[in-house]
Amino acid sequence: MGSTGTGQFGDYRKGSTDTKGLCDKELKNVELEEVGRLGYFNTYENVPAVGEKVVISDSLENGRIVVIIEHTGEKVGLFPTRYSYIPACIKQGFRYAGSVVYSTLKPFPKVVVDLNVE
């Protein structure tokens, strides 16, 4: 399950080396993965509330892009691998921040985010 690495963006498999036109797109309604096994859920046994501010972390979680709570750095969930171009965008200086737009505990912990380019 998942991939391993050093936690650096250089380890992340690139879906495409050509990020032209991808980096500056807003990321809407992205359902995060592994929400129930990461720090935020493990600490609070809950999911973040709708409206909670989140960002893409500067480091990876077991080789995966991780979304964190903006003001605490707590890990919320992993980005789907179809967004494998994001590390290249971050290396180019792009930053992604936004908020939780949907969250629920049942039938399993689920968090959906919208992220904008900053």
N, C-alpha and C. Protein backbone atom coordinates (compact mmCIF):
# COMPACT_ATOMS: atom_id res chain seq x y z
N MET A 1 0.83 -1.18 0.00
CA MET A 1 0.00 0.00 0.00
C MET A 1 0.87 1.24 0.00
N GLY A 2 0.60 2.13 -0.91
CA GLY A 2 1.31 3.40 -0.93
C GLY A 2 2.74 3.24 -1.39
N SER A 3 3.44 4.34 -1.39
CA SER A 3 4.83 4.33 -1.80
C SER A 3 5.67 4.87 -0.67
N THR A 4 6.96 4.60 -0.73
CA THR A 4 7.86 5.10 0.29
C THR A 4 8.92 5.95 -0.35
N GLY A 5 9.58 6.73 0.44
CA GLY A 5 10.62 7.61 -0.07
C GLY A 5 11.23 8.37 1.07
N THR A 6 11.94 9.41 0.74
CA THR A 6 12.62 10.20 1.76
C THR A 6 11.79 11.35 2.26
N GLY A 7 10.59 11.54 1.70
CA GLY A 7 9.76 12.65 2.10
C GLY A 7 10.09 13.93 1.35
N GLN A 8 10.82 13.80 0.27
CA GLN A 8 11.19 14.96 -0.54
C GLN A 8 10.46 14.90 -1.87
N PHE A 9 10.20 16.07 -2.45
CA PHE A 9 9.48 16.09 -3.71
C PHE A 9 10.24 15.41 -4.84
N GLY A 10 11.53 15.32 -4.76
CA GLY A 10 12.32 14.65 -5.78
C GLY A 10 12.00 13.16 -5.88
N ASP A 11 11.42 12.58 -4.81
CA ASP A 11 11.06 11.17 -4.79
C ASP A 11 9.73 10.91 -5.48
N TYR A 12 8.92 11.92 -5.64
CA TYR A 12 7.57 11.75 -6.14
C TYR A 12 7.58 11.44 -7.63
N ARG A 13 6.91 10.38 -8.02
CA ARG A 13 6.82 10.05 -9.44
C ARG A 13 6.09 11.15 -10.17
N LYS A 14 6.62 11.52 -11.27
CA LYS A 14 6.02 12.59 -12.03
C LYS A 14 5.04 12.01 -13.05
N GLY A 15 3.79 12.46 -12.97
CA GLY A 15 2.81 12.03 -13.95
C GLY A 15 3.11 12.69 -15.28
N SER A 16 3.68 13.88 -15.22
CA SER A 16 4.03 14.62 -16.42
C SER A 16 5.11 15.62 -16.05
N THR A 17 6.14 15.70 -16.87
CA THR A 17 7.18 16.70 -16.62
C THR A 17 6.75 18.04 -17.17
N ASP A 18 5.77 18.05 -18.04
CA ASP A 18 5.25 19.29 -18.60
C ASP A 18 4.08 19.77 -17.74
N THR A 19 4.34 20.77 -16.91
CA THR A 19 3.31 21.28 -16.03
C THR A 19 2.65 22.54 -16.58
N LYS A 20 3.04 22.92 -17.78
CA LYS A 20 2.50 24.15 -18.36
C LYS A 20 0.97 24.09 -18.40
N GLY A 21 0.37 25.11 -17.83
CA GLY A 21 -1.08 25.18 -17.81
C GLY A 21 -1.74 24.41 -16.68
N LEU A 22 -0.99 23.60 -15.96
CA LEU A 22 -1.56 22.82 -14.86
C LEU A 22 -1.38 23.52 -13.51
N CYS A 23 -0.23 24.11 -13.29
CA CYS A 23 0.13 24.65 -11.98
C CYS A 23 -0.78 25.78 -11.52
N ASP A 24 -1.29 26.57 -12.44
CA ASP A 24 -2.08 27.72 -12.04
C ASP A 24 -3.58 27.45 -11.98
N LYS A 25 -3.96 26.19 -12.04
CA LYS A 25 -5.38 25.83 -11.98
C LYS A 25 -5.81 25.62 -10.53
N GLU A 26 -7.02 26.09 -10.23
CA GLU A 26 -7.60 25.82 -8.92
C GLU A 26 -7.93 24.33 -8.83
N LEU A 27 -7.85 23.80 -7.64
CA LEU A 27 -8.12 22.38 -7.40
C LEU A 27 -9.43 22.31 -6.61
N LYS A 28 -10.49 21.94 -7.27
CA LYS A 28 -11.82 21.98 -6.66
C LYS A 28 -12.35 20.58 -6.37
N ASN A 29 -13.01 20.46 -5.22
CA ASN A 29 -13.68 19.22 -4.81
C ASN A 29 -12.75 18.01 -4.85
N VAL A 30 -11.58 18.16 -4.25
CA VAL A 30 -10.61 17.07 -4.20
C VAL A 30 -10.87 16.25 -2.94
N GLU A 31 -11.24 14.98 -3.12
CA GLU A 31 -11.46 14.09 -1.99
C GLU A 31 -10.12 13.53 -1.53
N LEU A 32 -9.76 13.82 -0.29
CA LEU A 32 -8.48 13.36 0.25
C LEU A 32 -8.55 11.88 0.58
N GLU A 33 -7.39 11.24 0.53
CA GLU A 33 -7.28 9.82 0.84
C GLU A 33 -6.62 9.64 2.20
N GLU A 34 -6.82 8.48 2.81
CA GLU A 34 -6.17 8.08 4.07
C GLU A 34 -6.49 9.02 5.23
N VAL A 35 -7.64 9.67 5.21
CA VAL A 35 -8.01 10.63 6.26
C VAL A 35 -8.03 9.96 7.63
N GLY A 36 -8.53 8.75 7.71
CA GLY A 36 -8.68 8.05 8.98
C GLY A 36 -7.40 7.55 9.62
N ARG A 37 -6.28 7.67 8.94
CA ARG A 37 -5.03 7.17 9.52
C ARG A 37 -3.99 8.26 9.78
N LEU A 38 -4.33 9.50 9.48
CA LEU A 38 -3.35 10.58 9.65
C LEU A 38 -3.58 11.36 10.94
N GLY A 39 -2.65 12.27 11.21
CA GLY A 39 -2.56 12.98 12.48
C GLY A 39 -3.82 13.65 12.99
N TYR A 40 -4.50 14.41 12.15
CA TYR A 40 -5.67 15.14 12.63
C TYR A 40 -6.72 14.18 13.17
N PHE A 41 -7.05 13.15 12.40
CA PHE A 41 -8.06 12.20 12.84
C PHE A 41 -7.59 11.43 14.07
N ASN A 42 -6.34 11.03 14.09
CA ASN A 42 -5.82 10.28 15.24
C ASN A 42 -5.83 11.10 16.52
N THR A 43 -5.62 12.40 16.41
CA THR A 43 -5.61 13.27 17.59
C THR A 43 -7.02 13.54 18.10
N TYR A 44 -7.93 13.88 17.21
CA TYR A 44 -9.27 14.34 17.61
C TYR A 44 -10.38 13.31 17.41
N GLU A 45 -10.07 12.19 16.75
CA GLU A 45 -11.08 11.20 16.39
C GLU A 45 -12.26 11.89 15.70
N ASN A 46 -11.92 12.83 14.85
CA ASN A 46 -12.90 13.62 14.13
C ASN A 46 -12.26 14.14 12.85
N VAL A 47 -13.07 14.72 12.00
CA VAL A 47 -12.58 15.34 10.77
C VAL A 47 -12.68 16.86 10.92
N PRO A 48 -11.87 17.61 10.18
CA PRO A 48 -11.94 19.07 10.28
C PRO A 48 -13.31 19.58 9.82
N ALA A 49 -13.72 20.69 10.41
CA ALA A 49 -15.01 21.30 10.06
C ALA A 49 -14.95 21.95 8.69
N VAL A 50 -16.09 22.04 8.05
CA VAL A 50 -16.19 22.79 6.80
C VAL A 50 -15.75 24.23 7.09
N GLY A 51 -14.91 24.75 6.20
CA GLY A 51 -14.38 26.10 6.37
C GLY A 51 -12.98 26.14 6.96
N GLU A 52 -12.53 25.03 7.55
CA GLU A 52 -11.17 24.98 8.12
C GLU A 52 -10.15 25.25 7.02
N LYS A 53 -9.17 26.10 7.31
CA LYS A 53 -8.15 26.49 6.33
C LYS A 53 -7.08 25.40 6.22
N VAL A 54 -6.76 25.02 4.98
CA VAL A 54 -5.77 23.98 4.72
C VAL A 54 -4.80 24.43 3.63
N VAL A 55 -3.63 23.78 3.60
CA VAL A 55 -2.61 24.03 2.58
C VAL A 55 -1.97 22.70 2.21
N ILE A 56 -1.30 22.69 1.05
CA ILE A 56 -0.47 21.54 0.70
C ILE A 56 0.86 21.71 1.41
N SER A 57 1.29 20.67 2.10
CA SER A 57 2.53 20.69 2.86
C SER A 57 3.74 20.81 1.95
N ASP A 58 4.83 21.35 2.50
CA ASP A 58 6.09 21.44 1.77
C ASP A 58 6.82 20.11 1.71
N SER A 59 6.38 19.13 2.51
CA SER A 59 7.03 17.81 2.49
C SER A 59 5.99 16.73 2.21
N LEU A 60 6.48 15.55 1.89
CA LEU A 60 5.61 14.43 1.54
C LEU A 60 5.39 13.52 2.73
N GLU A 61 4.35 12.72 2.66
CA GLU A 61 4.03 11.70 3.66
C GLU A 61 4.15 10.35 2.97
N ASN A 62 5.21 9.60 3.29
CA ASN A 62 5.44 8.32 2.63
C ASN A 62 5.37 8.44 1.11
N GLY A 63 5.99 9.50 0.59
CA GLY A 63 6.05 9.70 -0.85
C GLY A 63 4.81 10.31 -1.47
N ARG A 64 3.85 10.73 -0.66
CA ARG A 64 2.58 11.27 -1.16
C ARG A 64 2.41 12.73 -0.75
N ILE A 65 1.67 13.48 -1.57
CA ILE A 65 1.34 14.87 -1.27
C ILE A 65 0.35 14.88 -0.10
N VAL A 66 0.64 15.70 0.91
CA VAL A 66 -0.21 15.74 2.10
C VAL A 66 -0.82 17.14 2.28
N VAL A 67 -2.08 17.15 2.67
CA VAL A 67 -2.79 18.39 2.99
C VAL A 67 -2.80 18.54 4.51
N ILE A 68 -2.47 19.74 4.98
CA ILE A 68 -2.37 20.00 6.41
C ILE A 68 -3.26 21.18 6.81
N ILE A 69 -3.60 21.24 8.10
CA ILE A 69 -4.30 22.40 8.66
C ILE A 69 -3.32 23.56 8.62
N GLU A 70 -3.75 24.69 8.08
CA GLU A 70 -2.85 25.82 7.85
C GLU A 70 -2.17 26.32 9.13
N HIS A 71 -2.90 26.52 10.20
CA HIS A 71 -2.32 27.14 11.39
C HIS A 71 -1.66 26.17 12.36
N THR A 72 -1.90 24.86 12.23
CA THR A 72 -1.29 23.91 13.17
C THR A 72 -0.33 22.93 12.51
N GLY A 73 -0.46 22.73 11.20
CA GLY A 73 0.40 21.77 10.50
C GLY A 73 -0.04 20.33 10.65
N GLU A 74 -1.21 20.09 11.27
CA GLU A 74 -1.69 18.72 11.44
C GLU A 74 -2.09 18.13 10.09
N LYS A 75 -1.70 16.89 9.88
CA LYS A 75 -1.96 16.21 8.61
C LYS A 75 -3.41 15.75 8.54
N VAL A 76 -4.08 16.13 7.45
CA VAL A 76 -5.50 15.82 7.27
C VAL A 76 -5.70 14.64 6.34
N GLY A 77 -5.04 14.64 5.20
CA GLY A 77 -5.23 13.58 4.22
C GLY A 77 -4.24 13.70 3.08
N LEU A 78 -4.23 12.68 2.24
CA LEU A 78 -3.30 12.63 1.11
C LEU A 78 -4.03 12.97 -0.18
N PHE A 79 -3.32 13.66 -1.07
CA PHE A 79 -3.87 14.00 -2.38
C PHE A 79 -3.90 12.76 -3.25
N PRO A 80 -4.93 12.58 -4.07
CA PRO A 80 -4.96 11.46 -5.01
C PRO A 80 -3.75 11.52 -5.95
N THR A 81 -3.25 10.38 -6.36
CA THR A 81 -2.04 10.32 -7.18
C THR A 81 -2.22 10.92 -8.56
N ARG A 82 -3.45 11.15 -9.00
CA ARG A 82 -3.64 11.78 -10.32
C ARG A 82 -3.11 13.21 -10.34
N TYR A 83 -2.82 13.76 -9.17
CA TYR A 83 -2.25 15.11 -9.08
C TYR A 83 -0.73 15.04 -8.92
N SER A 84 -0.11 14.08 -9.52
CA SER A 84 1.33 13.87 -9.35
C SER A 84 2.19 15.00 -9.89
N TYR A 85 1.60 15.93 -10.63
CA TYR A 85 2.35 17.08 -11.15
C TYR A 85 2.54 18.17 -10.09
N ILE A 86 1.80 18.12 -9.00
CA ILE A 86 1.83 19.19 -7.99
C ILE A 86 3.23 19.42 -7.41
N PRO A 87 4.01 18.39 -7.07
CA PRO A 87 5.36 18.67 -6.54
C PRO A 87 6.21 19.51 -7.49
N ALA A 88 6.10 19.26 -8.79
CA ALA A 88 6.86 20.07 -9.76
C ALA A 88 6.38 21.52 -9.72
N CYS A 89 5.10 21.72 -9.53
CA CYS A 89 4.57 23.09 -9.43
C CYS A 89 5.11 23.78 -8.17
N ILE A 90 5.15 23.05 -7.06
CA ILE A 90 5.65 23.63 -5.82
C ILE A 90 7.12 24.00 -5.97
N LYS A 91 7.88 23.15 -6.66
CA LYS A 91 9.29 23.48 -6.92
C LYS A 91 9.43 24.74 -7.75
N GLN A 92 8.43 25.04 -8.58
CA GLN A 92 8.44 26.25 -9.40
C GLN A 92 7.96 27.47 -8.61
N GLY A 93 7.58 27.28 -7.35
CA GLY A 93 7.17 28.40 -6.51
C GLY A 93 5.68 28.56 -6.30
N PHE A 94 4.89 27.65 -6.84
CA PHE A 94 3.44 27.73 -6.62
C PHE A 94 3.11 27.25 -5.21
N ARG A 95 2.09 27.84 -4.61
CA ARG A 95 1.61 27.44 -3.29
C ARG A 95 0.10 27.27 -3.39
N TYR A 96 -0.41 26.26 -2.72
CA TYR A 96 -1.84 25.96 -2.79
C TYR A 96 -2.45 26.02 -1.39
N ALA A 97 -3.49 26.83 -1.25
CA ALA A 97 -4.17 26.99 0.03
C ALA A 97 -5.67 27.09 -0.23
N GLY A 98 -6.44 26.68 0.75
CA GLY A 98 -7.89 26.74 0.59
C GLY A 98 -8.60 26.32 1.85
N SER A 99 -9.68 25.57 1.67
CA SER A 99 -10.47 25.18 2.83
C SER A 99 -11.19 23.86 2.60
N VAL A 100 -11.63 23.30 3.72
CA VAL A 100 -12.46 22.10 3.69
C VAL A 100 -13.85 22.52 3.21
N VAL A 101 -14.36 21.82 2.20
CA VAL A 101 -15.70 22.14 1.68
C VAL A 101 -16.73 21.07 2.04
N TYR A 102 -16.25 19.91 2.50
CA TYR A 102 -17.15 18.84 2.93
C TYR A 102 -16.36 17.93 3.85
N SER A 103 -17.00 17.47 4.93
CA SER A 103 -16.37 16.48 5.79
C SER A 103 -17.45 15.68 6.51
N THR A 104 -17.15 14.41 6.73
CA THR A 104 -18.08 13.52 7.43
C THR A 104 -17.29 12.39 8.09
N LEU A 105 -17.86 11.82 9.14
CA LEU A 105 -17.26 10.66 9.80
C LEU A 105 -17.83 9.34 9.29
N LYS A 106 -19.05 9.37 8.77
CA LYS A 106 -19.73 8.13 8.40
C LYS A 106 -20.07 8.10 6.92
N PRO A 107 -19.95 6.97 6.29
CA PRO A 107 -19.61 5.66 6.86
C PRO A 107 -18.12 5.50 7.16
N PHE A 108 -17.31 6.45 6.70
CA PHE A 108 -15.88 6.46 7.00
C PHE A 108 -15.42 7.91 6.96
N PRO A 109 -14.29 8.23 7.61
CA PRO A 109 -13.82 9.63 7.61
C PRO A 109 -13.53 10.10 6.18
N LYS A 110 -14.14 11.23 5.83
CA LYS A 110 -14.00 11.76 4.48
C LYS A 110 -13.86 13.27 4.55
N VAL A 111 -12.90 13.80 3.78
CA VAL A 111 -12.67 15.24 3.71
C VAL A 111 -12.49 15.63 2.24
N VAL A 112 -13.19 16.67 1.83
CA VAL A 112 -13.08 17.21 0.47
C VAL A 112 -12.62 18.66 0.60
N VAL A 113 -11.64 19.05 -0.23
CA VAL A 113 -11.08 20.40 -0.15
C VAL A 113 -11.13 21.12 -1.49
N ASP A 114 -11.15 22.43 -1.42
CA ASP A 114 -10.93 23.31 -2.56
C ASP A 114 -9.64 24.06 -2.28
N LEU A 115 -8.72 24.07 -3.25
CA LEU A 115 -7.45 24.77 -3.08
C LEU A 115 -7.25 25.75 -4.22
N ASN A 116 -6.77 26.93 -3.88
CA ASN A 116 -6.48 27.98 -4.85
C ASN A 116 -4.98 28.18 -4.93
N VAL A 117 -4.54 28.68 -6.05
CA VAL A 117 -3.12 29.00 -6.23
C VAL A 117 -2.86 30.35 -5.57
N GLU A 118 -1.78 30.42 -4.81
CA GLU A 118 -1.40 31.69 -4.17
C GLU A 118 -0.10 32.18 -4.73
